[in-house]
Amino acid sequence: MNTTIPMKAEPVAVSHSANKSACLTADQTAKQLKPQFAERLSRFRYQMVQAGQDAALIFSPVNLRYLLNYSGEALMAIVSPSTVVLITDYRFIAQAKQEAPPELQVSCYCRDRDRQSLSQAIAMVLGDIKARRVWYEDSDISVLQWRAIGEGNGLIEFSPCPPHLAAQRMVKDEWEVAQIEQAAAIADLALQRALPLLQPGISEQEFATELEYQLKKAGAEDFSFATILGFAERSALPHALPGAKRLKKGDLIVLDFGAVVNGYRSDMTRSFVCGTPSPLQKQMYQTVLQAQQAALDAVRAGISGAALNNIAADVLAASPFAKDVGPGLGHGVGLQLHEQPFLGPLCRQLLPENAVITIEPGIYITDFGGVRIEDDVLVTKEGCRVLTKAPKQFELPERF
């Protein structure tokens, strides 16, 4: 464990070309690997058969992407032990056929929305495969939609699908890790390119717009979420959306953002001070950095989310900022920005090897400002590998 952490972290000298090379290397690695769709589907089918289910209705866009590579809208899947049927309409039928992994032998059904309801289409497919006991994803369909489906399939015994897919998604394969690593490299590069603009006079909206432009320019297919950015007292808002506030000398800054690659997300937070920090600002940053480092040093497969959370929480609780600490330490990240496990005092989940999690302690002092530092890490048997590489410099270079 590191016992001394410098107040002012020196920027790592990384050239644009070096960062670009890192992105290309990660991208090349990703292309050499392939998503394990057949294995994912096989594991889910095993759970389904063990529970005595004849089929499962999959509505979740995340699970459709994970199991079947579908990245569009307005589609649901019926999975049985031997078949997969995708139900959509004319707008997305071509996309469904193009994206379906060939090895899964998926069937695509195009319903006429004017003449056939979704309930009728589901009833037809379930009848064809003679399904009587069926799981459905109750968290991904509205009550109104489910009422129509249930009423149209009265002879079928429906039950909520247990969170098997969420548990599967918690452990990443090599291809998935490569996508997240590429998304992290893009975020690192975008921040390096945009950071020189973070000077007195720029507004939150202006800097966020430039950063998002650099994310897209570096290869992001999308943003992981709407960029979070707060100057001065607004940095104490954990999820501040960029506004018209302009940066002033002495302001604290909290910036939280990420990139998406093939559906997989990165999530990184860096905190800065514009100019020379005050003693209080230094102490805030030092405390958060020490709490994060303590947690990073403790990450390993087999530790519980609660135990990991408490390691960072103990550092924060022993500081003068105990009452200003944000609860929780982090979360899983992948196809969803926030997914299992959720690292907090009640998390009994033991971290599995090859989970990707965030470590993001924070201090938020109302009407003064906040500090949060967040990295994405891959859990290994002996520890972790940090995927987000942007330097943790606190003081912005004085260009004014």
Protein backbone atom coordinates (compact mmCIF):
# COMPACT_ATOMS: atom_id res chain seq x y z
CA MET A 1 0.00 0.00 0.00
CA ASN A 2 1.25 3.46 -0.78
CA THR A 3 1.92 5.40 2.41
CA THR A 4 2.70 8.76 0.83
CA ILE A 5 0.66 10.47 -1.87
CA PRO A 6 1.86 13.82 -3.25
CA MET A 7 -0.42 16.80 -2.86
CA LYS A 8 0.23 17.82 -6.45
CA ALA A 9 0.28 14.87 -8.82
CA GLU A 10 2.63 15.63 -11.69
CA PRO A 11 1.09 15.15 -15.16
CA VAL A 12 2.41 12.15 -17.02
CA ALA A 13 4.16 13.21 -20.19
CA VAL A 14 2.16 11.38 -22.84
CA SER A 15 2.13 12.67 -26.39
CA HIS A 16 -0.96 12.70 -28.61
CA SER A 17 0.71 10.13 -30.83
CA ALA A 18 1.42 7.84 -27.87
CA ASN A 19 -2.20 8.04 -26.73
CA LYS A 20 -3.36 7.39 -30.28
CA SER A 21 -1.12 4.32 -30.41
CA ALA A 22 -2.64 3.07 -27.16
CA CYS A 23 -6.12 3.41 -28.66
CA LEU A 24 -5.08 1.58 -31.82
CA THR A 25 -3.46 -1.22 -29.82
CA ALA A 26 -6.61 -1.73 -27.77
CA ASP A 27 -8.72 -1.61 -30.94
CA GLN A 28 -6.53 -4.17 -32.69
CA THR A 29 -6.75 -6.46 -29.67
CA ALA A 30 -10.53 -6.13 -29.67
CA LYS A 31 -10.72 -7.10 -33.34
CA GLN A 32 -8.65 -10.23 -32.77
CA LEU A 33 -11.18 -11.49 -30.23
CA LYS A 34 -14.84 -12.34 -30.78
CA PRO A 35 -17.89 -12.10 -28.52
CA GLN A 36 -18.83 -15.48 -27.02
CA PHE A 37 -22.52 -15.39 -27.94
CA ALA A 38 -22.99 -19.17 -28.12
CA GLU A 39 -21.46 -19.63 -24.67
CA ARG A 40 -23.58 -16.85 -23.16
CA LEU A 41 -26.78 -18.30 -24.62
CA SER A 42 -25.84 -21.82 -23.51
CA ARG A 43 -25.30 -20.71 -19.93
CA PHE A 44 -28.66 -18.93 -19.83
CA ARG A 45 -30.45 -21.90 -21.38
CA TYR A 46 -28.93 -24.17 -18.74
CA GLN A 47 -30.45 -22.00 -15.98
CA MET A 48 -33.78 -22.00 -17.79
CA VAL A 49 -33.92 -25.79 -18.19
CA GLN A 50 -32.80 -26.38 -14.61
CA ALA A 51 -35.74 -24.27 -13.46
CA GLY A 52 -38.19 -26.24 -15.62
CA GLN A 53 -38.95 -23.37 -17.98
CA ASP A 54 -39.90 -23.92 -21.62
CA ALA A 55 -38.97 -20.44 -22.80
CA ALA A 56 -38.02 -16.91 -21.75
CA LEU A 57 -39.23 -13.55 -23.05
CA ILE A 58 -36.33 -11.12 -23.29
CA PHE A 59 -37.27 -7.43 -23.45
CA SER A 60 -34.18 -5.73 -22.00
CA PRO A 61 -32.13 -3.90 -24.69
CA VAL A 62 -28.99 -4.66 -22.66
CA ASN A 63 -29.70 -8.38 -22.51
CA LEU A 64 -30.65 -8.46 -26.20
CA ARG A 65 -27.25 -6.92 -26.97
CA TYR A 66 -25.46 -9.33 -24.62
CA LEU A 67 -27.13 -12.52 -25.82
CA LEU A 68 -27.96 -11.78 -29.45
CA ASN A 69 -25.88 -8.77 -30.57
CA TYR A 70 -28.99 -6.70 -31.31
CA SER A 71 -28.34 -2.95 -30.92
CA GLY A 72 -31.60 -1.45 -32.22
CA GLU A 73 -35.04 -0.74 -30.83
CA ALA A 74 -38.54 -2.24 -30.80
CA LEU A 75 -37.52 -5.89 -30.61
CA MET A 76 -38.04 -8.71 -28.15
CA ALA A 77 -36.75 -12.28 -28.18
CA ILE A 78 -38.25 -15.63 -27.28
CA VAL A 79 -35.55 -18.05 -26.16
CA SER A 80 -36.26 -21.76 -25.77
CA PRO A 81 -33.84 -24.66 -25.21
CA SER A 82 -33.58 -25.17 -28.98
CA THR A 83 -34.76 -21.97 -30.71
CA VAL A 84 -34.41 -18.20 -30.67
CA VAL A 85 -37.09 -16.05 -32.32
CA LEU A 86 -36.74 -12.28 -32.64
CA ILE A 87 -40.01 -10.37 -32.98
CA THR A 88 -39.89 -6.87 -34.45
CA ASP A 89 -41.49 -4.86 -37.28
CA TYR A 90 -40.54 -3.53 -40.71
CA ARG A 91 -38.35 -0.77 -39.26
CA PHE A 92 -35.83 -3.13 -37.65
CA ILE A 93 -36.24 -6.52 -39.32
CA ALA A 94 -33.26 -5.98 -41.64
CA GLN A 95 -31.06 -4.87 -38.76
CA ALA A 96 -32.12 -7.87 -36.66
CA LYS A 97 -31.16 -10.26 -39.46
CA GLN A 98 -27.83 -8.52 -40.05
CA GLU A 99 -26.78 -8.44 -36.41
CA ALA A 100 -27.94 -11.90 -35.34
CA PRO A 101 -24.87 -14.11 -34.73
CA PRO A 102 -24.90 -16.81 -37.48
CA GLU A 103 -23.84 -19.53 -35.04
CA LEU A 104 -27.06 -19.10 -33.04
CA GLN A 105 -29.41 -19.88 -35.98
CA VAL A 106 -31.82 -17.13 -34.97
CA SER A 107 -35.24 -16.78 -36.63
CA CYS A 108 -36.63 -13.29 -37.25
CA TYR A 109 -40.36 -12.62 -37.31
CA CYS A 110 -41.70 -9.35 -38.76
CA ARG A 111 -45.14 -8.55 -37.39
CA ASP A 112 -47.56 -6.19 -39.11
CA ARG A 113 -48.23 -3.58 -36.42
CA ASP A 114 -51.56 -2.63 -38.02
CA ARG A 115 -52.92 -6.18 -38.05
CA GLN A 116 -51.16 -8.07 -35.26
CA SER A 117 -50.46 -7.05 -31.68
CA LEU A 118 -47.28 -8.01 -29.88
CA SER A 119 -49.38 -10.24 -27.64
CA GLN A 120 -50.71 -12.13 -30.66
CA ALA A 121 -47.23 -12.53 -32.14
CA ILE A 122 -45.92 -13.89 -28.81
CA ALA A 123 -48.87 -16.27 -28.54
CA MET A 124 -48.20 -17.58 -32.03
CA VAL A 125 -44.51 -18.27 -31.38
CA LEU A 126 -45.10 -19.80 -27.95
CA GLY A 127 -47.76 -22.00 -29.47
CA ASP A 128 -45.41 -23.15 -32.22
CA ILE A 129 -42.77 -24.24 -29.71
CA LYS A 130 -45.42 -25.65 -27.32
CA ALA A 131 -44.20 -23.58 -24.38
CA ARG A 132 -46.28 -23.71 -21.20
CA ARG A 133 -43.93 -22.40 -18.49
CA VAL A 134 -42.30 -19.13 -19.48
CA TRP A 135 -40.02 -16.59 -17.82
CA TYR A 136 -40.42 -12.91 -18.61
CA GLU A 137 -38.31 -9.85 -17.71
CA ASP A 138 -40.70 -8.01 -15.43
CA SER A 139 -38.37 -5.05 -14.89
CA ASP A 140 -38.23 -4.19 -18.60
CA ILE A 141 -41.86 -3.97 -19.60
CA SER A 142 -44.66 -1.64 -18.52
CA VAL A 143 -47.72 -2.80 -16.62
CA LEU A 144 -49.90 -1.84 -19.60
CA GLN A 145 -47.80 -3.86 -22.04
CA TRP A 146 -47.65 -6.84 -19.73
CA ARG A 147 -51.40 -6.82 -19.11
CA ALA A 148 -51.98 -7.13 -22.86
CA ILE A 149 -49.48 -9.96 -23.20
CA GLY A 150 -50.78 -11.82 -20.17
CA GLU A 151 -54.42 -11.53 -21.25
CA GLY A 152 -53.53 -12.82 -24.72
CA ASN A 153 -51.73 -15.88 -23.38
CA GLY A 154 -54.00 -17.08 -20.60
CA LEU A 155 -53.01 -20.77 -20.82
CA ILE A 156 -49.33 -20.07 -20.20
CA GLU A 157 -47.76 -19.99 -16.75
CA PHE A 158 -45.62 -16.86 -16.67
CA SER A 159 -43.14 -16.07 -13.91
CA PRO A 160 -40.52 -13.34 -13.47
CA CYS A 161 -37.09 -14.24 -14.76
CA PRO A 162 -34.46 -14.42 -12.00
CA PRO A 163 -31.44 -12.13 -12.49
CA HIS A 164 -29.32 -14.80 -14.16
CA LEU A 165 -28.24 -12.57 -17.03
CA ALA A 166 -27.21 -9.76 -14.69
CA ALA A 167 -25.03 -12.28 -12.85
CA GLN A 168 -23.55 -13.55 -16.12
CA ARG A 169 -22.79 -10.05 -17.32
CA MET A 170 -20.87 -9.30 -14.13
CA VAL A 171 -17.98 -11.50 -15.33
CA LYS A 172 -16.43 -10.17 -18.54
CA ASP A 173 -14.74 -12.29 -21.20
CA GLU A 174 -11.59 -11.11 -22.98
CA TRP A 175 -13.54 -9.45 -25.80
CA GLU A 176 -15.68 -7.49 -23.35
CA VAL A 177 -12.64 -6.30 -21.39
CA ALA A 178 -11.05 -5.18 -24.66
CA GLN A 179 -14.11 -3.05 -25.50
CA ILE A 180 -14.11 -1.36 -22.08
CA GLU A 181 -10.35 -0.84 -22.29
CA GLN A 182 -10.76 0.79 -25.70
CA ALA A 183 -13.55 3.02 -24.35
CA ALA A 184 -11.28 4.02 -21.47
CA ALA A 185 -8.39 4.80 -23.85
CA ILE A 186 -10.68 7.03 -25.91
CA ALA A 187 -11.75 8.89 -22.77
CA ASP A 188 -8.12 9.34 -21.71
CA LEU A 189 -7.21 10.79 -25.10
CA ALA A 190 -10.26 13.07 -25.28
CA LEU A 191 -9.47 14.54 -21.86
CA GLN A 192 -5.84 15.15 -22.80
CA ARG A 193 -6.91 17.01 -25.94
CA ALA A 194 -9.62 19.10 -24.24
CA LEU A 195 -7.91 19.88 -20.94
CA PRO A 196 -5.92 22.93 -22.18
CA LEU A 197 -9.26 24.74 -22.66
CA LEU A 198 -10.14 24.41 -18.97
CA GLN A 199 -9.12 27.99 -18.16
CA PRO A 200 -10.80 30.95 -16.44
CA GLY A 201 -13.70 32.27 -18.48
CA ILE A 202 -14.83 29.03 -20.10
CA SER A 203 -18.32 27.84 -19.19
CA GLU A 204 -19.29 24.35 -18.08
CA GLN A 205 -21.36 23.91 -21.24
CA GLU A 206 -18.52 25.05 -23.50
CA PHE A 207 -15.98 22.67 -22.00
CA ALA A 208 -18.40 19.72 -21.94
CA THR A 209 -19.20 20.33 -25.62
CA GLU A 210 -15.51 20.33 -26.53
CA LEU A 211 -14.84 17.19 -24.49
CA GLU A 212 -17.73 15.35 -26.14
CA TYR A 213 -16.50 16.44 -29.56
CA GLN A 214 -13.08 15.01 -28.73
CA LEU A 215 -14.70 11.75 -27.55
CA LYS A 216 -16.42 11.33 -30.90
CA LYS A 217 -13.31 12.41 -32.81
CA ALA A 218 -11.26 9.77 -30.96
CA GLY A 219 -13.70 7.01 -31.97
CA ALA A 220 -16.49 6.83 -29.38
CA GLU A 221 -19.76 5.60 -30.86
CA ASP A 222 -21.60 7.45 -28.09
CA PHE A 223 -21.17 8.95 -24.64
CA SER A 224 -21.54 6.63 -21.64
CA PHE A 225 -23.91 9.19 -20.12
CA ALA A 226 -24.53 12.93 -20.21
CA THR A 227 -21.25 14.53 -19.14
CA ILE A 228 -21.19 15.63 -15.50
CA LEU A 229 -19.34 18.89 -14.86
CA GLY A 230 -19.54 21.39 -12.01
CA PHE A 231 -17.42 24.45 -11.22
CA ALA A 232 -16.94 26.00 -7.76
CA GLU A 233 -19.87 25.29 -5.42
CA ARG A 234 -21.60 23.31 -8.19
CA SER A 235 -18.84 20.70 -7.94
CA ALA A 236 -20.54 19.61 -4.70
CA LEU A 237 -23.46 18.33 -6.80
CA PRO A 238 -22.46 14.69 -7.49
CA HIS A 239 -24.33 14.65 -10.83
CA ALA A 240 -24.18 18.30 -11.89
CA LEU A 241 -25.21 18.80 -15.52
CA PRO A 242 -23.13 21.44 -17.33
CA GLY A 243 -24.63 24.90 -17.18
CA ALA A 244 -23.71 28.48 -17.99
CA LYS A 245 -21.41 28.96 -14.99
CA ARG A 246 -17.96 30.22 -15.97
CA LEU A 247 -14.70 29.05 -14.43
CA LYS A 248 -12.86 31.35 -12.07
CA LYS A 249 -9.41 31.17 -10.52
CA GLY A 250 -9.55 29.11 -7.33
CA ASP A 251 -12.64 27.08 -8.35
CA LEU A 252 -12.90 23.37 -7.69
CA ILE A 253 -13.93 21.29 -10.73
CA VAL A 254 -15.51 17.83 -10.86
CA LEU A 255 -15.65 16.16 -14.29
CA ASP A 256 -17.27 12.74 -14.83
CA PHE A 257 -17.61 11.25 -18.33
CA GLY A 258 -17.09 8.19 -20.51
CA ALA A 259 -17.07 6.68 -23.99
CA VAL A 260 -18.96 3.78 -25.59
CA VAL A 261 -17.36 1.14 -27.83
CA ASN A 262 -19.54 -1.66 -29.23
CA GLY A 263 -22.07 -0.95 -26.49
CA TYR A 264 -19.53 -1.14 -23.65
CA ARG A 265 -18.88 1.87 -21.46
CA SER A 266 -16.07 3.55 -19.60
CA ASP A 267 -16.63 5.79 -16.58
CA MET A 268 -13.99 8.16 -15.22
CA THR A 269 -13.97 11.15 -12.85
CA ARG A 270 -11.19 13.66 -12.39
CA SER A 271 -11.17 16.64 -10.03
CA PHE A 272 -9.14 19.80 -10.50
CA VAL A 273 -8.56 23.21 -9.00
CA CYS A 274 -8.16 26.24 -11.22
CA GLY A 275 -4.87 27.68 -10.05
CA THR A 276 -3.28 27.31 -6.62
CA PRO A 277 -5.45 25.32 -4.18
CA SER A 278 -6.34 26.55 -0.72
CA PRO A 279 -5.29 24.42 2.29
CA LEU A 280 -8.85 23.12 2.58
CA GLN A 281 -9.00 22.16 -1.10
CA LYS A 282 -5.64 20.38 -0.80
CA GLN A 283 -6.85 18.45 2.21
CA MET A 284 -10.06 17.41 0.43
CA TYR A 285 -8.18 16.13 -2.58
CA GLN A 286 -5.54 14.36 -0.50
CA THR A 287 -8.21 12.60 1.55
CA VAL A 288 -10.15 11.36 -1.48
CA LEU A 289 -6.96 10.22 -3.21
CA GLN A 290 -5.88 8.29 -0.10
CA ALA A 291 -9.32 6.65 0.21
CA GLN A 292 -9.29 5.62 -3.44
CA GLN A 293 -5.75 4.25 -3.21
CA ALA A 294 -6.62 2.24 -0.11
CA ALA A 295 -9.51 0.63 -1.99
CA LEU A 296 -7.43 0.03 -5.13
CA ASP A 297 -4.78 -1.69 -3.03
CA ALA A 298 -7.45 -3.99 -1.55
CA VAL A 299 -9.29 -4.98 -4.74
CA ARG A 300 -9.01 -8.68 -5.53
CA ALA A 301 -11.29 -11.55 -6.49
CA GLY A 302 -13.10 -12.86 -3.41
CA ILE A 303 -13.38 -9.67 -1.38
CA SER A 304 -16.94 -8.57 -0.67
CA GLY A 305 -18.31 -5.30 -1.95
CA ALA A 306 -19.03 -4.26 1.64
CA ALA A 307 -15.48 -4.99 2.81
CA LEU A 308 -14.01 -3.00 -0.06
CA ASN A 309 -16.39 -0.13 0.57
CA ASN A 310 -15.50 -0.05 4.26
CA ILE A 311 -11.76 0.20 3.55
CA ALA A 312 -12.27 3.49 1.72
CA ALA A 313 -15.01 4.59 4.13
CA ASP A 314 -12.67 4.20 7.12
CA VAL A 315 -10.17 6.61 5.55
CA LEU A 316 -12.92 9.14 4.88
CA ALA A 317 -14.52 8.70 8.32
CA ALA A 318 -11.20 9.44 10.03
CA SER A 319 -10.86 12.73 8.15
CA PRO A 320 -12.35 16.16 8.97
CA PHE A 321 -14.83 15.56 6.11
CA ALA A 322 -16.69 12.57 7.57
CA LYS A 323 -20.07 14.30 7.38
CA ASP A 324 -19.51 15.35 3.75
CA VAL A 325 -18.77 11.91 2.30
CA GLY A 326 -20.89 10.53 -0.53
CA PRO A 327 -22.24 7.04 0.26
CA GLY A 328 -21.03 3.98 -1.65
CA LEU A 329 -17.72 3.28 -3.35
CA GLY A 330 -18.58 2.26 -6.91
CA HIS A 331 -20.39 -0.15 -9.19
CA GLY A 332 -19.98 -2.62 -11.98
CA VAL A 333 -19.72 -1.24 -15.50
CA GLY A 334 -20.17 -2.87 -18.91
CA LEU A 335 -23.11 -2.73 -21.31
CA GLN A 336 -24.80 -0.70 -18.59
CA LEU A 337 -23.19 2.24 -16.86
CA HIS A 338 -24.38 0.95 -13.48
CA GLU A 339 -24.63 -2.81 -13.12
CA GLN A 340 -23.82 -5.50 -10.58
CA PRO A 341 -22.05 -5.41 -8.21
CA PHE A 342 -22.94 -2.21 -6.37
CA LEU A 343 -20.19 -1.51 -3.85
CA GLY A 344 -21.68 -0.32 -0.58
CA PRO A 345 -21.97 -1.26 3.10
CA LEU A 346 -24.72 -3.81 2.37
CA CYS A 347 -23.06 -5.52 -0.62
CA ARG A 348 -22.37 -9.13 0.35
CA GLN A 349 -21.45 -10.04 -3.22
CA LEU A 350 -17.92 -11.43 -3.47
CA LEU A 351 -16.14 -9.80 -6.37
CA PRO A 352 -15.59 -12.37 -9.13
CA GLU A 353 -12.46 -12.52 -11.20
CA ASN A 354 -12.82 -10.51 -14.43
CA ALA A 355 -15.50 -8.19 -13.12
CA VAL A 356 -15.00 -4.54 -14.15
CA ILE A 357 -15.85 -2.09 -11.38
CA THR A 358 -15.45 1.59 -10.59
CA ILE A 359 -13.70 2.93 -7.49
CA GLU A 360 -14.99 6.46 -6.87
CA PRO A 361 -14.95 7.93 -3.34
CA GLY A 362 -16.02 11.54 -3.02
CA ILE A 363 -16.39 14.48 -0.66
CA TYR A 364 -19.12 17.07 -1.27
CA ILE A 365 -19.30 20.24 0.86
CA THR A 366 -22.53 22.13 0.19
CA ASP A 367 -22.04 25.71 -1.07
CA PHE A 368 -18.26 25.17 -1.25
CA GLY A 369 -17.33 22.39 -3.66
CA GLY A 370 -16.58 18.72 -4.14
CA VAL A 371 -13.87 16.25 -5.05
CA ARG A 372 -14.33 12.82 -6.63
CA ILE A 373 -11.77 10.55 -8.25
CA GLU A 374 -12.96 7.54 -10.25
CA ASP A 375 -11.24 4.79 -12.19
CA ASP A 376 -12.42 1.63 -13.97
CA VAL A 377 -10.57 -1.49 -12.81
CA LEU A 378 -10.51 -5.12 -13.87
CA VAL A 379 -10.67 -7.49 -10.88
CA THR A 380 -7.97 -10.17 -10.91
CA LYS A 381 -7.04 -13.02 -8.57
CA GLU A 382 -4.22 -11.06 -6.95
CA GLY A 383 -5.53 -7.51 -7.27
CA CYS A 384 -6.72 -5.33 -10.12
CA ARG A 385 -5.69 -3.71 -13.38
CA VAL A 386 -6.60 -0.04 -13.77
CA LEU A 387 -8.13 0.61 -17.20
CA THR A 388 -8.47 4.41 -17.02
CA LYS A 389 -5.04 6.00 -17.36
CA ALA A 390 -5.59 9.79 -17.32
CA PRO A 391 -3.18 11.50 -14.88
CA LYS A 392 -4.62 12.51 -11.51
CA GLN A 393 -3.29 16.04 -11.58
CA PHE A 394 -5.13 18.35 -9.20
CA GLU A 395 -3.69 21.79 -10.03
CA LEU A 396 -4.35 22.92 -13.56
CA PRO A 397 -1.30 24.48 -15.25
CA GLU A 398 -1.40 28.28 -14.98
CA ARG A 399 -2.01 29.50 -18.50
CA PHE A 400 -3.56 32.74 -17.40
